Amino acid sequence: MRKIELQTIVWKEGRHWVAQCLNVDVSSFGSTQKSALRNITEALGLYFEGRRFSKIPPVKSASIRSTVLQYA
């Protein structure tokens, strides 16, 4: 069994906590931060099940930036 380290960001959105993996496009949520992290771990396990990846894109550093969008 292989072990990989993935970077995950967690934030509160309304009544739920959202967890999103920054290395691959997988996210999940839960009613608490702990449950969101448990759910993202399960979702990532299902995502990688039966797949072979030679290289997973690393996330060296991440920062939150504000983006201003004007729309009609």
PDB file of N, CA and C in Angstrom:
ATOM      1  N   MET A   1       0.841  -1.175   0.000  1.00  0.00           N
ATOM      2  CA  MET A   1       0.000   0.000   0.000  1.00  0.00           C
ATOM      3  C   MET A   1       0.890   1.243   0.000  1.00  0.00           C
ATOM      4  N   ARG A   2       0.621   2.160  -0.922  1.00  0.00           N
ATOM      5  CA  ARG A   2       1.389   3.405  -1.016  1.00  0.00           C
ATOM      6  C   ARG A   2       0.830   4.457  -0.083  1.00  0.00           C
ATOM      7  N   LYS A   3       1.693   5.341   0.298  1.00  0.00           N
ATOM      8  CA  LYS A   3       1.296   6.457   1.140  1.00  0.00           C
ATOM      9  C   LYS A   3       1.661   7.740   0.407  1.00  0.00           C
ATOM     10  N   ILE A   4       0.715   8.670   0.313  1.00  0.00           N
ATOM     11  CA  ILE A   4       0.981   9.956  -0.320  1.00  0.00           C
ATOM     12  C   ILE A   4       0.515  11.066   0.614  1.00  0.00           C
ATOM     13  N   GLU A   5       1.207  12.187   0.548  1.00  0.00           N
ATOM     14  CA  GLU A   5       0.814  13.336   1.356  1.00  0.00           C
ATOM     15  C   GLU A   5       0.129  14.343   0.450  1.00  0.00           C
ATOM     16  N   LEU A   6      -1.077  14.725   0.821  1.00  0.00           N
ATOM     17  CA  LEU A   6      -1.874  15.656   0.039  1.00  0.00           C
ATOM     18  C   LEU A   6      -2.175  16.890   0.884  1.00  0.00           C
ATOM     19  N   GLN A   7      -2.326  18.013   0.224  1.00  0.00           N
ATOM     20  CA  GLN A   7      -2.636  19.261   0.911  1.00  0.00           C
ATOM     21  C   GLN A   7      -4.138  19.518   0.823  1.00  0.00           C
ATOM     22  N   THR A   8      -4.742  19.802   1.961  1.00  0.00           N
ATOM     23  CA  THR A   8      -6.185  20.025   2.031  1.00  0.00           C
ATOM     24  C   THR A   8      -6.464  21.346   2.730  1.00  0.00           C
ATOM     25  N   ILE A   9      -7.420  22.075   2.215  1.00  0.00           N
ATOM     26  CA  ILE A   9      -7.853  23.324   2.837  1.00  0.00           C
ATOM     27  C   ILE A   9      -9.265  23.109   3.386  1.00  0.00           C
ATOM     28  N   VAL A  10      -9.539  23.724   4.533  1.00  0.00           N
ATOM     29  CA  VAL A  10     -10.840  23.555   5.188  1.00  0.00           C
ATOM     30  C   VAL A  10     -11.370  24.938   5.557  1.00  0.00           C
ATOM     31  N   TRP A  11     -12.666  25.168   5.287  1.00  0.00           N
ATOM     32  CA  TRP A  11     -13.270  26.444   5.666  1.00  0.00           C
ATOM     33  C   TRP A  11     -14.739  26.232   5.998  1.00  0.00           C
ATOM     34  N   LYS A  12     -15.285  27.172   6.733  1.00  0.00           N
ATOM     35  CA  LYS A  12     -16.696  27.105   7.115  1.00  0.00           C
ATOM     36  C   LYS A  12     -17.520  27.861   6.083  1.00  0.00           C
ATOM     37  N   GLU A  13     -18.568  27.209   5.615  1.00  0.00           N
ATOM     38  CA  GLU A  13     -19.466  27.797   4.622  1.00  0.00           C
ATOM     39  C   GLU A  13     -20.893  27.594   5.115  1.00  0.00           C
ATOM     40  N   GLY A  14     -21.482  28.649   5.653  1.00  0.00           N
ATOM     41  CA  GLY A  14     -22.818  28.512   6.231  1.00  0.00           C
ATOM     42  C   GLY A  14     -22.770  27.628   7.464  1.00  0.00           C
ATOM     43  N   ARG A  15     -23.587  26.579   7.477  1.00  0.00           N
ATOM     44  CA  ARG A  15     -23.629  25.659   8.613  1.00  0.00           C
ATOM     45  C   ARG A  15     -22.648  24.507   8.476  1.00  0.00           C
ATOM     46  N   HIS A  16     -21.977  24.389   7.348  1.00  0.00           N
ATOM     47  CA  HIS A  16     -21.106  23.242   7.095  1.00  0.00           C
ATOM     48  C   HIS A  16     -19.650  23.646   6.959  1.00  0.00           C
ATOM     49  N   TRP A  17     -18.780  22.668   7.152  1.00  0.00           N
ATOM     50  CA  TRP A  17     -17.353  22.816   6.887  1.00  0.00           C
ATOM     51  C   TRP A  17     -17.062  22.136   5.559  1.00  0.00           C
ATOM     52  N   VAL A  18     -16.269  22.794   4.735  1.00  0.00           N
ATOM     53  CA  VAL A  18     -15.898  22.261   3.423  1.00  0.00           C
ATOM     54  C   VAL A  18     -14.413  21.933   3.449  1.00  0.00           C
ATOM     55  N   ALA A  19     -14.053  20.763   2.922  1.00  0.00           N
ATOM     56  CA  ALA A  19     -12.655  20.353   2.795  1.00  0.00           C
ATOM     57  C   ALA A  19     -12.378  20.100   1.325  1.00  0.00           C
ATOM     58  N   GLN A  20     -11.309  20.702   0.824  1.00  0.00           N
ATOM     59  CA  GLN A  20     -10.952  20.532  -0.587  1.00  0.00           C
ATOM     60  C   GLN A  20      -9.479  20.202  -0.697  1.00  0.00           C
ATOM     61  N   CYS A  21      -9.191  19.163  -1.463  1.00  0.00           N
ATOM     62  CA  CYS A  21      -7.814  18.768  -1.720  1.00  0.00           C
ATOM     63  C   CYS A  21      -7.244  19.686  -2.796  1.00  0.00           C
ATOM     64  N   LEU A  22      -6.067  20.234  -2.557  1.00  0.00           N
ATOM     65  CA  LEU A  22      -5.446  21.137  -3.512  1.00  0.00           C
ATOM     66  C   LEU A  22      -4.660  20.407  -4.597  1.00  0.00           C
ATOM     67  N   ASN A  23      -4.300  19.151  -4.369  1.00  0.00           N
ATOM     68  CA  ASN A  23      -3.510  18.392  -5.341  1.00  0.00           C
ATOM     69  C   ASN A  23      -4.361  17.803  -6.457  1.00  0.00           C
ATOM     70  N   VAL A  24      -5.558  17.369  -6.106  1.00  0.00           N
ATOM     71  CA  VAL A  24      -6.497  16.797  -7.081  1.00  0.00           C
ATOM     72  C   VAL A  24      -7.862  17.421  -6.828  1.00  0.00           C
ATOM     73  N   ASP A  25      -8.727  17.364  -7.806  1.00  0.00           N
ATOM     74  CA  ASP A  25     -10.026  18.033  -7.711  1.00  0.00           C
ATOM     75  C   ASP A  25     -11.038  17.168  -6.966  1.00  0.00           C
ATOM     76  N   VAL A  26     -10.892  17.104  -5.633  1.00  0.00           N
ATOM     77  CA  VAL A  26     -11.799  16.335  -4.784  1.00  0.00           C
ATOM     78  C   VAL A  26     -12.150  17.208  -3.584  1.00  0.00           C
ATOM     79  N   SER A  27     -13.426  17.237  -3.241  1.00  0.00           N
ATOM     80  CA  SER A  27     -13.852  17.986  -2.062  1.00  0.00           C
ATOM     81  C   SER A  27     -14.964  17.224  -1.354  1.00  0.00           C
ATOM     82  N   SER A  28     -15.214  17.612  -0.110  1.00  0.00           N
ATOM     83  CA  SER A  28     -16.277  17.001   0.676  1.00  0.00           C
ATOM     84  C   SER A  28     -16.682  18.008   1.743  1.00  0.00           C
ATOM     85  N   PHE A  29     -17.643  17.655   2.583  1.00  0.00           N
ATOM     86  CA  PHE A  29     -18.088  18.568   3.625  1.00  0.00           C
ATOM     87  C   PHE A  29     -18.570  17.777   4.822  1.00  0.00           C
ATOM     88  N   GLY A  30     -18.802  18.477   5.917  1.00  0.00           N
ATOM     89  CA  GLY A  30     -19.327  17.862   7.127  1.00  0.00           C
ATOM     90  C   GLY A  30     -19.869  18.936   8.047  1.00  0.00           C
ATOM     91  N   SER A  31     -20.560  18.528   9.089  1.00  0.00           N
ATOM     92  CA  SER A  31     -21.151  19.486  10.021  1.00  0.00           C
ATOM     93  C   SER A  31     -20.112  20.069  10.978  1.00  0.00           C
ATOM     94  N   THR A  32     -18.969  19.391  11.099  1.00  0.00           N
ATOM     95  CA  THR A  32     -17.852  19.898  11.899  1.00  0.00           C
ATOM     96  C   THR A  32     -16.586  19.817  11.054  1.00  0.00           C
ATOM     97  N   GLN A  33     -15.563  20.516  11.503  1.00  0.00           N
ATOM     98  CA  GLN A  33     -14.289  20.477  10.782  1.00  0.00           C
ATOM     99  C   GLN A  33     -13.727  19.047  10.789  1.00  0.00           C
ATOM    100  N   LYS A  34     -13.851  18.388  11.910  1.00  0.00           N
ATOM    101  CA  LYS A  34     -13.356  17.014  12.033  1.00  0.00           C
ATOM    102  C   LYS A  34     -14.088  16.075  11.070  1.00  0.00           C
ATOM    103  N   SER A  35     -15.398  16.215  10.962  1.00  0.00           N
ATOM    104  CA  SER A  35     -16.149  15.333  10.054  1.00  0.00           C
ATOM    105  C   SER A  35     -15.851  15.671   8.593  1.00  0.00           C
ATOM    106  N   ALA A  36     -15.602  16.946   8.282  1.00  0.00           N
ATOM    107  CA  ALA A  36     -15.230  17.312   6.907  1.00  0.00           C
ATOM    108  C   ALA A  36     -13.901  16.683   6.531  1.00  0.00           C
ATOM    109  N   LEU A  37     -12.942  16.680   7.463  1.00  0.00           N
ATOM    110  CA  LEU A  37     -11.638  16.066   7.196  1.00  0.00           C
ATOM    111  C   LEU A  37     -11.756  14.543   7.088  1.00  0.00           C
ATOM    112  N   ARG A  38     -12.598  13.950   7.905  1.00  0.00           N
ATOM    113  CA  ARG A  38     -12.820  12.501   7.816  1.00  0.00           C
ATOM    114  C   ARG A  38     -13.466  12.156   6.466  1.00  0.00           C
ATOM    115  N   ASN A  39     -14.423  12.973   6.032  1.00  0.00           N
ATOM    116  CA  ASN A  39     -15.114  12.722   4.769  1.00  0.00           C
ATOM    117  C   ASN A  39     -14.208  12.932   3.560  1.00  0.00           C
ATOM    118  N   ILE A  40     -13.303  13.927   3.615  1.00  0.00           N
ATOM    119  CA  ILE A  40     -12.393  14.137   2.485  1.00  0.00           C
ATOM    120  C   ILE A  40     -11.399  12.980   2.403  1.00  0.00           C
ATOM    121  N   THR A  41     -11.008  12.442   3.541  1.00  0.00           N
ATOM    122  CA  THR A  41     -10.112  11.286   3.535  1.00  0.00           C
ATOM    123  C   THR A  41     -10.785  10.098   2.861  1.00  0.00           C
ATOM    124  N   GLU A  42     -12.045   9.878   3.170  1.00  0.00           N
ATOM    125  CA  GLU A  42     -12.804   8.791   2.539  1.00  0.00           C
ATOM    126  C   GLU A  42     -12.971   9.049   1.039  1.00  0.00           C
ATOM    127  N   ALA A  43     -13.306  10.287   0.675  1.00  0.00           N
ATOM    128  CA  ALA A  43     -13.495  10.636  -0.737  1.00  0.00           C
ATOM    129  C   ALA A  43     -12.198  10.466  -1.527  1.00  0.00           C
ATOM    130  N   LEU A  44     -11.077  10.854  -0.933  1.00  0.00           N
ATOM    131  CA  LEU A  44      -9.787  10.690  -1.608  1.00  0.00           C
ATOM    132  C   LEU A  44      -9.435   9.213  -1.760  1.00  0.00           C
ATOM    133  N   GLY A  45      -9.764   8.410  -0.754  1.00  0.00           N
ATOM    134  CA  GLY A  45      -9.536   6.972  -0.855  1.00  0.00           C
ATOM    135  C   GLY A  45     -10.300   6.373  -2.024  1.00  0.00           C
ATOM    136  N   LEU A  46     -11.546   6.793  -2.200  1.00  0.00           N
ATOM    137  CA  LEU A  46     -12.351   6.309  -3.328  1.00  0.00           C
ATOM    138  C   LEU A  46     -11.806   6.841  -4.657  1.00  0.00           C
ATOM    139  N   TYR A  47     -11.334   8.079  -4.666  1.00  0.00           N
ATOM    140  CA  TYR A  47     -10.789   8.679  -5.884  1.00  0.00           C
ATOM    141  C   TYR A  47      -9.551   7.914  -6.374  1.00  0.00           C
ATOM    142  N   PHE A  48      -8.680   7.560  -5.448  1.00  0.00           N
ATOM    143  CA  PHE A  48      -7.439   6.885  -5.822  1.00  0.00           C
ATOM    144  C   PHE A  48      -7.587   5.364  -5.951  1.00  0.00           C
ATOM    145  N   GLU A  49      -8.706   4.810  -5.537  1.00  0.00           N
ATOM    146  CA  GLU A  49      -8.913   3.359  -5.584  1.00  0.00           C
ATOM    147  C   GLU A  49      -8.811   2.846  -7.020  1.00  0.00           C
ATOM    148  N   GLY A  50      -7.913   1.919  -7.240  1.00  0.00           N
ATOM    149  CA  GLY A  50      -7.765   1.294  -8.549  1.00  0.00           C
ATOM    150  C   GLY A  50      -7.052   2.156  -9.581  1.00  0.00           C
ATOM    151  N   ARG A  51      -6.554   3.311  -9.190  1.00  0.00           N
ATOM    152  CA  ARG A  51      -5.839   4.186 -10.124  1.00  0.00           C
ATOM    153  C   ARG A  51      -4.346   4.101  -9.884  1.00  0.00           C
ATOM    154  N   ARG A  52      -3.616   4.318 -10.953  1.00  0.00           N
ATOM    155  CA  ARG A  52      -2.163   4.394 -10.842  1.00  0.00           C
ATOM    156  C   ARG A  52      -1.730   5.779 -11.294  1.00  0.00           C
ATOM    157  N   PHE A  53      -1.052   6.447 -10.424  1.00  0.00           N
ATOM    158  CA  PHE A  53      -0.555   7.771 -10.750  1.00  0.00           C
ATOM    159  C   PHE A  53       0.953   7.760 -10.644  1.00  0.00           C
ATOM    160  N   SER A  54       1.593   8.205 -11.705  1.00  0.00           N
ATOM    161  CA  SER A  54       3.044   8.282 -11.651  1.00  0.00           C
ATOM    162  C   SER A  54       3.478   9.538 -10.905  1.00  0.00           C
ATOM    163  N   LYS A  55       2.690  10.606 -11.021  1.00  0.00           N
ATOM    164  CA  LYS A  55       3.049  11.845 -10.345  1.00  0.00           C
ATOM    165  C   LYS A  55       1.794  12.636 -10.004  1.00  0.00           C
ATOM    166  N   ILE A  56       1.705  13.024  -8.760  1.00  0.00           N
ATOM    167  CA  ILE A  56       0.601  13.858  -8.304  1.00  0.00           C
ATOM    168  C   ILE A  56       1.149  15.276  -8.185  1.00  0.00           C
ATOM    169  N   PRO A  57       0.452  16.251  -8.755  1.00  0.00           N
ATOM    170  CA  PRO A  57       0.977  17.617  -8.721  1.00  0.00           C
ATOM    171  C   PRO A  57       1.183  18.108  -7.286  1.00  0.00           C
ATOM    172  N   PRO A  58       2.400  18.532  -6.951  1.00  0.00           N
ATOM    173  CA  PRO A  58       2.640  19.008  -5.584  1.00  0.00           C
ATOM    174  C   PRO A  58       2.113  20.427  -5.389  1.00  0.00           C
ATOM    175  N   VAL A  59       1.787  20.750  -4.163  1.00  0.00           N
ATOM    176  CA  VAL A  59       1.422  22.108  -3.784  1.00  0.00           C
ATOM    177  C   VAL A  59       2.493  22.555  -2.795  1.00  0.00           C
ATOM    178  N   LYS A  60       3.407  23.370  -3.266  1.00  0.00           N
ATOM    179  CA  LYS A  60       4.529  23.808  -2.416  1.00  0.00           C
ATOM    180  C   LYS A  60       4.069  24.825  -1.373  1.00  0.00           C
ATOM    181  N   SER A  61       3.316  25.792  -1.820  1.00  0.00           N
ATOM    182  CA  SER A  61       2.773  26.776  -0.884  1.00  0.00           C
ATOM    183  C   SER A  61       1.484  27.327  -1.490  1.00  0.00           C
ATOM    184  N   ALA A  62       0.558  27.605  -0.642  1.00  0.00           N
ATOM    185  CA  ALA A  62      -0.723  28.136  -1.097  1.00  0.00           C
ATOM    186  C   ALA A  62      -1.014  29.403  -0.318  1.00  0.00           C
ATOM    187  N   SER A  63      -1.679  30.331  -0.950  1.00  0.00           N
ATOM    188  CA  SER A  63      -2.103  31.539  -0.254  1.00  0.00           C
ATOM    189  C   SER A  63      -3.505  31.898  -0.729  1.00  0.00           C
ATOM    190  N   ILE A  64      -4.258  32.503   0.143  1.00  0.00           N
ATOM    191  CA  ILE A  64      -5.606  32.922  -0.197  1.00  0.00           C
ATOM    192  C   ILE A  64      -5.523  34.342  -0.733  1.00  0.00           C
ATOM    193  N   ARG A  65      -6.045  34.531  -1.897  1.00  0.00           N
ATOM    194  CA  ARG A  65      -6.049  35.845  -2.555  1.00  0.00           C
ATOM    195  C   ARG A  65      -7.482  36.267  -2.820  1.00  0.00           C
ATOM    196  N   SER A  66      -7.723  37.529  -2.715  1.00  0.00           N
ATOM    197  CA  SER A  66      -9.038  38.076  -3.016  1.00  0.00           C
ATOM    198  C   SER A  66      -9.078  38.466  -4.501  1.00  0.00           C
ATOM    199  N   THR A  67     -10.169  38.137  -5.149  1.00  0.00           N
ATOM    200  CA  THR A  67     -10.357  38.484  -6.567  1.00  0.00           C
ATOM    201  C   THR A  67     -11.636  39.300  -6.677  1.00  0.00           C
ATOM    202  N   VAL A  68     -11.557  40.441  -7.331  1.00  0.00           N
ATOM    203  CA  VAL A  68     -12.713  41.300  -7.528  1.00  0.00           C
ATOM    204  C   VAL A  68     -13.256  41.033  -8.925  1.00  0.00           C
ATOM    205  N   LEU A  69     -14.535  40.740  -9.007  1.00  0.00           N
ATOM    206  CA  LEU A  69     -15.179  40.426 -10.273  1.00  0.00           C
ATOM    207  C   LEU A  69     -16.366  41.367 -10.455  1.00  0.00           C
ATOM    208  N   GLN A  70     -16.445  41.988 -11.604  1.00  0.00           N
ATOM    209  CA  GLN A  70     -17.609  42.808 -11.929  1.00  0.00           C
ATOM    210  C   GLN A  70     -18.427  42.054 -12.970  1.00  0.00           C
ATOM    211  N   TYR A  71     -19.709  41.972 -12.737  1.00  0.00           N
ATOM    212  CA  TYR A  71     -20.580  41.262 -13.671  1.00  0.00           C
ATOM    213  C   TYR A  71     -21.918  41.973 -13.763  1.00  0.00           C
ATOM    214  N   ALA A  72     -22.631  41.689 -14.833  1.00  0.00           N
ATOM    215  CA  ALA A  72     -23.922  42.341 -15.072  1.00  0.00           C
ATOM    216  C   ALA A  72     -25.048  41.534 -14.476  1.00  0.00           C
TER     217      ALA A  72
END
